[in-house]
Amino acid sequence: MARDIGAEALELVRRAYHPSRLGDLQLVLTPGSTANYAPESVNLARHDPRSSHALPWMYAERVPIVVYAPDLVARGDDAHRVTLADLAPTAARLMVFDDYAAPDGTPLPGISRPETPPRVIVTFVIDGGGWNVLQRWPDAWPNLDAALEEVRESLDEDRISRVAVAGEGIVLGWIGGIPSYEGKVWELHPLVVRPDLQRRGIGRALVADLEKRVRERGGLTLWLGTDDESGMTTLSGVDLYPNVLEHLANMRNLRGHPYEFYQKLGFSIIGAMPDANGPGKPDIYMAKRCR
């Protein structure tokens, strides 16, 4: 049966096998099929090829690697098959590490040894596991530059930025804190957890860690704004005026809005800004005491 999937796919299955974590029987989905958690599958259209889990078929492996190096690498495209293992020897070539011997991988096609190495090399890996973030909040980051700018701002000295990382160096989640009122009040922003690792306590641990850091800096209150731009609560798509507080008191969660997650962590709903993101798209305000 294993031979039926072909040598190339079988090799990928073999390389992904970890004896201490996987069973003796491996199920391989047919091409065009996907494996997703139930909440993710709800948002998929029929025959949507995206998957939150790895697949051995080459159509799922075709992810471009982009190299931007003015005056070092000529503009153009190359259709040769490459892997992530090729990044280390590529960086070594650009840094003129002539004695570097990679255990796996070769320099990317078109990358020549420069006369003078660049002063810095930055590698970005964009994890496709976060595609549903842009689906839920399509206007939050209109492009990659806007998303990267938010990351850079979170690293300012007066802010708090914490990342949960697994033993293998895999990023699990990220949380940030923004001070106001001379440091007595902090805004929780952002909080993100990999979709395939949600509901495992990572978000809860990140919030607890942020609370600790806020207390250490003398903060008294931690607050957040959690938008509803896509009909996730009964506040969305309606005119909240003039009875905003009445709408808040009767609010119901329709499609997994995160405000209930924050309530479990001790946050209280303290208000809302109607039409914060456009007509019928409010921002829900929540807060808790940190001392």
Protein backbone atom coordinates (compact mmCIF):
# COMPACT_ATOMS: atom_id res chain seq x y z
CA MET A 1 0.00 0.00 0.00
CA ALA A 2 2.84 2.40 0.84
CA ARG A 3 4.29 2.00 -2.67
CA ASP A 4 1.03 3.27 -4.13
CA ILE A 5 1.74 6.87 -3.09
CA GLY A 6 5.05 7.02 -4.96
CA ALA A 7 8.66 7.25 -3.87
CA GLU A 8 8.76 11.03 -3.53
CA ALA A 9 5.73 11.29 -1.22
CA LEU A 10 6.82 8.21 0.71
CA GLU A 11 10.21 9.80 1.39
CA LEU A 12 8.49 12.88 2.86
CA VAL A 13 6.35 10.65 5.09
CA ARG A 14 9.48 8.83 6.25
CA ARG A 15 11.33 12.04 7.05
CA ALA A 16 8.36 13.38 9.06
CA TYR A 17 8.09 10.24 11.18
CA HIS A 18 9.09 10.59 14.85
CA PRO A 19 8.94 7.29 16.77
CA SER A 20 8.29 8.85 20.18
CA ARG A 21 5.35 10.96 18.95
CA LEU A 22 3.70 8.98 16.15
CA GLY A 23 2.00 5.61 15.94
CA ASP A 24 2.86 2.57 13.85
CA LEU A 25 0.18 3.31 11.24
CA GLN A 26 0.39 6.47 9.14
CA LEU A 27 -2.66 7.64 7.19
CA VAL A 28 -1.92 9.66 4.06
CA LEU A 29 -4.70 11.79 2.58
CA THR A 30 -5.33 11.65 -1.14
CA PRO A 31 -4.26 14.69 -3.19
CA GLY A 32 -6.73 17.54 -2.87
CA SER A 33 -7.88 16.46 0.59
CA THR A 34 -7.09 18.46 3.72
CA ALA A 35 -6.70 17.89 7.44
CA ASN A 36 -8.00 20.70 9.68
CA TYR A 37 -9.42 21.20 13.12
CA ALA A 38 -13.19 21.63 13.10
CA PRO A 39 -13.21 25.44 13.70
CA GLU A 40 -10.86 25.89 10.74
CA SER A 41 -12.87 23.66 8.44
CA VAL A 42 -16.01 25.76 8.99
CA ASN A 43 -14.36 28.66 7.16
CA LEU A 44 -13.12 26.61 4.20
CA ALA A 45 -14.91 26.67 0.89
CA ARG A 46 -15.60 23.40 -0.90
CA HIS A 47 -12.44 21.95 -2.49
CA ASP A 48 -10.28 24.53 -0.68
CA PRO A 49 -6.74 23.04 -0.76
CA ARG A 50 -5.44 24.76 2.38
CA SER A 51 -4.52 22.58 5.34
CA SER A 52 -3.31 23.23 8.89
CA HIS A 53 -1.31 19.98 8.76
CA ALA A 54 1.54 18.89 6.53
CA LEU A 55 0.83 16.92 3.37
CA PRO A 56 3.33 14.85 1.34
CA TRP A 57 2.15 16.07 -2.06
CA MET A 58 4.33 18.48 -3.99
CA TYR A 59 1.54 21.01 -4.58
CA ALA A 60 1.57 21.65 -0.82
CA GLU A 61 5.36 22.03 -0.82
CA ARG A 62 5.57 24.71 -3.48
CA VAL A 63 6.37 27.69 -1.26
CA PRO A 64 8.51 30.44 -2.79
CA ILE A 65 11.75 31.60 -1.23
CA VAL A 66 12.40 35.28 -1.94
CA VAL A 67 15.87 36.80 -1.71
CA TYR A 68 16.15 40.60 -1.66
CA ALA A 69 19.75 41.75 -1.91
CA PRO A 70 20.28 44.88 -4.06
CA ASP A 71 23.66 44.95 -5.83
CA LEU A 72 24.33 41.35 -4.72
CA VAL A 73 21.62 39.26 -6.38
CA ALA A 74 20.27 39.97 -9.85
CA ARG A 75 16.52 40.29 -10.33
CA GLY A 76 14.78 37.25 -11.74
CA ASP A 77 12.99 33.96 -11.09
CA ASP A 78 14.31 30.44 -10.80
CA ALA A 79 12.15 27.32 -10.90
CA HIS A 80 14.69 24.92 -9.38
CA ARG A 81 13.41 22.95 -6.39
CA VAL A 82 14.99 24.17 -3.16
CA THR A 83 14.45 23.49 0.56
CA LEU A 84 14.83 25.32 3.85
CA ALA A 85 18.11 23.44 4.30
CA ASP A 86 19.51 25.60 1.49
CA LEU A 87 19.21 28.80 3.54
CA ALA A 88 22.20 28.14 5.81
CA PRO A 89 24.72 27.49 2.99
CA THR A 90 23.26 30.47 1.11
CA ALA A 91 23.87 32.76 4.09
CA ALA A 92 27.37 31.31 4.45
CA ARG A 93 28.15 32.10 0.81
CA LEU A 94 26.88 35.67 1.18
CA MET A 95 28.98 36.11 4.34
CA VAL A 96 32.02 34.68 2.53
CA PHE A 97 32.35 31.77 4.97
CA ASP A 98 34.30 29.69 2.49
CA ASP A 99 35.07 26.89 4.94
CA TYR A 100 31.43 26.32 5.93
CA ALA A 101 30.34 22.75 5.15
CA ALA A 102 26.58 22.25 5.47
CA PRO A 103 25.41 18.76 6.49
CA ASP A 104 22.46 19.24 4.15
CA GLY A 105 21.50 21.75 1.50
CA THR A 106 23.32 23.83 -1.11
CA PRO A 107 23.39 27.59 -1.86
CA LEU A 108 20.32 28.84 -3.69
CA PRO A 109 20.64 29.16 -7.49
CA GLY A 110 21.79 32.58 -8.63
CA ILE A 111 23.53 33.47 -5.34
CA SER A 112 27.18 34.27 -6.03
CA ARG A 113 29.99 34.89 -3.57
CA PRO A 114 30.23 38.69 -3.16
CA GLU A 115 33.46 40.64 -2.99
CA THR A 116 32.30 42.33 0.21
CA PRO A 117 29.80 40.54 2.50
CA PRO A 118 26.65 42.39 3.58
CA ARG A 119 26.64 43.92 7.04
CA VAL A 120 23.53 42.04 8.08
CA ILE A 121 21.35 39.20 6.78
CA VAL A 122 17.74 38.94 7.93
CA THR A 123 15.58 35.84 7.38
CA PHE A 124 11.78 36.05 7.61
CA VAL A 125 9.63 32.92 7.71
CA ILE A 126 5.93 33.64 7.11
CA ASP A 127 3.97 30.81 8.70
CA GLY A 128 0.94 29.87 6.59
CA GLY A 129 -0.77 28.57 9.73
CA GLY A 130 -2.02 32.08 10.38
CA TRP A 131 -4.16 32.49 7.27
CA ASN A 132 -7.38 32.65 9.28
CA VAL A 133 -6.15 35.79 11.08
CA LEU A 134 -6.45 37.81 7.88
CA GLN A 135 -9.75 36.11 7.15
CA ARG A 136 -11.28 37.24 10.45
CA TRP A 137 -9.65 40.68 10.45
CA PRO A 138 -9.06 41.47 6.77
CA ASP A 139 -8.40 45.17 7.33
CA ALA A 140 -6.02 44.85 10.29
CA TRP A 141 -2.84 44.48 8.22
CA PRO A 142 -3.40 45.55 4.59
CA ASN A 143 0.09 44.36 3.62
CA LEU A 144 3.22 42.72 4.99
CA ASP A 145 4.93 46.07 5.65
CA ALA A 146 2.10 47.08 7.98
CA ALA A 147 2.37 43.81 9.90
CA LEU A 148 6.17 44.13 10.22
CA GLU A 149 5.84 47.73 11.40
CA GLU A 150 3.60 46.56 14.25
CA VAL A 151 6.23 43.99 15.21
CA ARG A 152 8.96 46.65 15.23
CA GLU A 153 6.83 49.01 17.35
CA SER A 154 6.27 46.26 19.93
CA LEU A 155 10.05 46.14 20.53
CA ASP A 156 10.25 49.76 21.76
CA GLU A 157 11.98 50.13 25.13
CA ASP A 158 8.87 51.36 26.94
CA ARG A 159 6.78 48.38 25.82
CA ILE A 160 6.55 44.74 26.84
CA SER A 161 6.90 42.06 24.16
CA ARG A 162 6.93 38.37 25.07
CA VAL A 163 7.10 35.32 22.80
CA ALA A 164 6.30 31.70 23.71
CA VAL A 165 8.78 29.37 22.02
CA ALA A 166 8.89 25.56 21.96
CA GLY A 167 12.07 23.61 22.59
CA GLU A 168 12.69 23.29 18.85
CA GLY A 169 12.64 27.07 18.42
CA ILE A 170 9.08 27.08 17.05
CA VAL A 171 7.08 30.22 17.89
CA LEU A 172 3.85 29.27 19.67
CA GLY A 173 2.43 32.69 20.50
CA TRP A 174 3.14 36.35 21.10
CA ILE A 175 1.82 38.98 23.52
CA GLY A 176 2.55 42.66 24.00
CA GLY A 177 1.85 45.47 26.45
CA ILE A 178 1.56 49.23 25.80
CA PRO A 179 1.80 51.68 28.74
CA SER A 180 -0.44 54.70 29.36
CA TYR A 181 -1.40 56.94 32.30
CA GLU A 182 2.28 57.16 33.31
CA GLY A 183 2.56 53.38 33.48
CA LYS A 184 -0.40 52.82 35.80
CA VAL A 185 -2.50 51.36 32.96
CA TRP A 186 -1.30 48.93 30.27
CA GLU A 187 -3.03 47.85 27.07
CA LEU A 188 -2.78 44.17 26.14
CA HIS A 189 -1.88 44.21 22.45
CA PRO A 190 -1.37 42.00 20.60
CA LEU A 191 -2.16 38.44 21.65
CA VAL A 192 -1.74 35.75 19.01
CA VAL A 193 -1.44 31.96 19.26
CA ARG A 194 -0.82 29.55 16.40
CA PRO A 195 -4.25 28.30 15.24
CA ASP A 196 -3.26 24.63 15.43
CA LEU A 197 -2.09 25.06 19.04
CA GLN A 198 -5.01 27.05 20.43
CA ARG A 199 -7.02 25.81 23.42
CA ARG A 200 -3.91 24.30 24.99
CA GLY A 201 -3.21 26.97 27.61
CA ILE A 202 -0.65 28.97 25.62
CA GLY A 203 -2.75 32.14 25.50
CA ARG A 204 -3.59 31.82 29.20
CA ALA A 205 0.12 31.45 30.04
CA LEU A 206 1.05 34.48 27.91
CA VAL A 207 -1.57 36.66 29.62
CA ALA A 208 -0.39 35.52 33.07
CA ASP A 209 3.19 36.34 32.11
CA LEU A 210 2.21 39.80 30.85
CA GLU A 211 0.30 40.49 34.09
CA LYS A 212 3.44 39.64 36.06
CA ARG A 213 5.55 41.99 33.94
CA VAL A 214 3.00 44.79 34.30
CA ARG A 215 2.97 44.40 38.09
CA GLU A 216 6.77 44.50 38.16
CA ARG A 217 6.60 47.89 36.38
CA GLY A 218 4.06 49.26 38.84
CA GLY A 219 0.98 48.85 36.65
CA LEU A 220 -2.44 48.74 38.29
CA THR A 221 -4.77 47.91 35.40
CA LEU A 222 -4.53 45.77 32.28
CA TRP A 223 -7.06 46.51 29.56
CA LEU A 224 -7.72 45.50 25.96
CA GLY A 225 -9.95 46.20 23.01
CA THR A 226 -11.37 43.24 21.14
CA ASP A 227 -13.02 44.14 17.85
CA ASP A 228 -16.07 42.58 16.24
CA GLU A 229 -15.82 43.26 12.53
CA SER A 230 -17.36 40.03 11.23
CA GLY A 231 -20.61 39.29 13.05
CA MET A 232 -19.10 37.27 15.89
CA THR A 233 -21.35 38.82 18.59
CA THR A 234 -24.79 40.40 18.78
CA LEU A 235 -23.11 43.83 18.86
CA SER A 236 -22.02 43.51 15.24
CA GLY A 237 -24.11 44.87 12.39
CA VAL A 238 -26.48 46.85 14.59
CA ASP A 239 -26.82 50.48 15.68
CA LEU A 240 -25.76 50.50 19.34
CA TYR A 241 -26.97 54.06 19.96
CA PRO A 242 -28.49 55.34 22.15
CA ASN A 243 -28.61 52.27 24.46
CA VAL A 244 -24.99 51.09 24.26
CA LEU A 245 -24.91 49.73 27.81
CA GLU A 246 -28.14 47.81 27.26
CA HIS A 247 -26.68 46.13 24.19
CA LEU A 248 -23.55 45.26 26.19
CA ALA A 249 -25.60 43.75 29.02
CA ASN A 250 -27.45 41.50 26.57
CA MET A 251 -24.48 40.63 24.36
CA ARG A 252 -24.19 37.02 23.17
CA ASN A 253 -21.31 35.20 21.53
CA LEU A 254 -22.38 33.92 18.11
CA ARG A 255 -19.18 32.60 16.51
CA GLY A 256 -16.35 32.15 18.97
CA HIS A 257 -15.49 35.77 19.75
CA PRO A 258 -12.52 35.89 22.18
CA TYR A 259 -14.22 38.09 24.81
CA GLU A 260 -15.34 34.95 26.66
CA PHE A 261 -11.73 33.75 26.77
CA TYR A 262 -10.72 36.99 28.49
CA GLN A 263 -13.64 36.73 30.93
CA LYS A 264 -12.28 33.36 32.07
CA LEU A 265 -9.00 35.13 32.85
CA GLY A 266 -10.69 37.67 35.10
CA PHE A 267 -11.33 40.49 32.63
CA SER A 268 -14.58 42.46 32.88
CA ILE A 269 -16.42 44.18 30.04
CA ILE A 270 -16.14 47.89 30.78
CA GLY A 271 -17.59 49.42 27.63
CA ALA A 272 -17.67 49.56 23.86
CA MET A 273 -16.90 52.00 21.09
CA PRO A 274 -19.69 51.79 18.49
CA ASP A 275 -18.60 51.92 14.86
CA ALA A 276 -14.90 51.90 15.84
CA ASN A 277 -14.02 49.99 12.67
CA GLY A 278 -16.87 51.23 10.50
CA PRO A 279 -20.67 51.18 10.78
CA GLY A 280 -21.80 48.20 12.86
CA LYS A 281 -18.22 47.17 13.71
CA PRO A 282 -17.63 47.98 17.39
CA ASP A 283 -14.63 47.59 19.66
CA ILE A 284 -15.36 45.89 22.99
CA TYR A 285 -13.35 47.15 25.96
CA MET A 286 -12.29 44.85 28.80
CA ALA A 287 -10.05 45.33 31.84
CA LYS A 288 -8.84 43.76 35.09
CA ARG A 289 -6.92 44.80 38.19
CA CYS A 290 -3.29 43.65 38.26
CA ARG A 291 -2.60 43.99 41.99
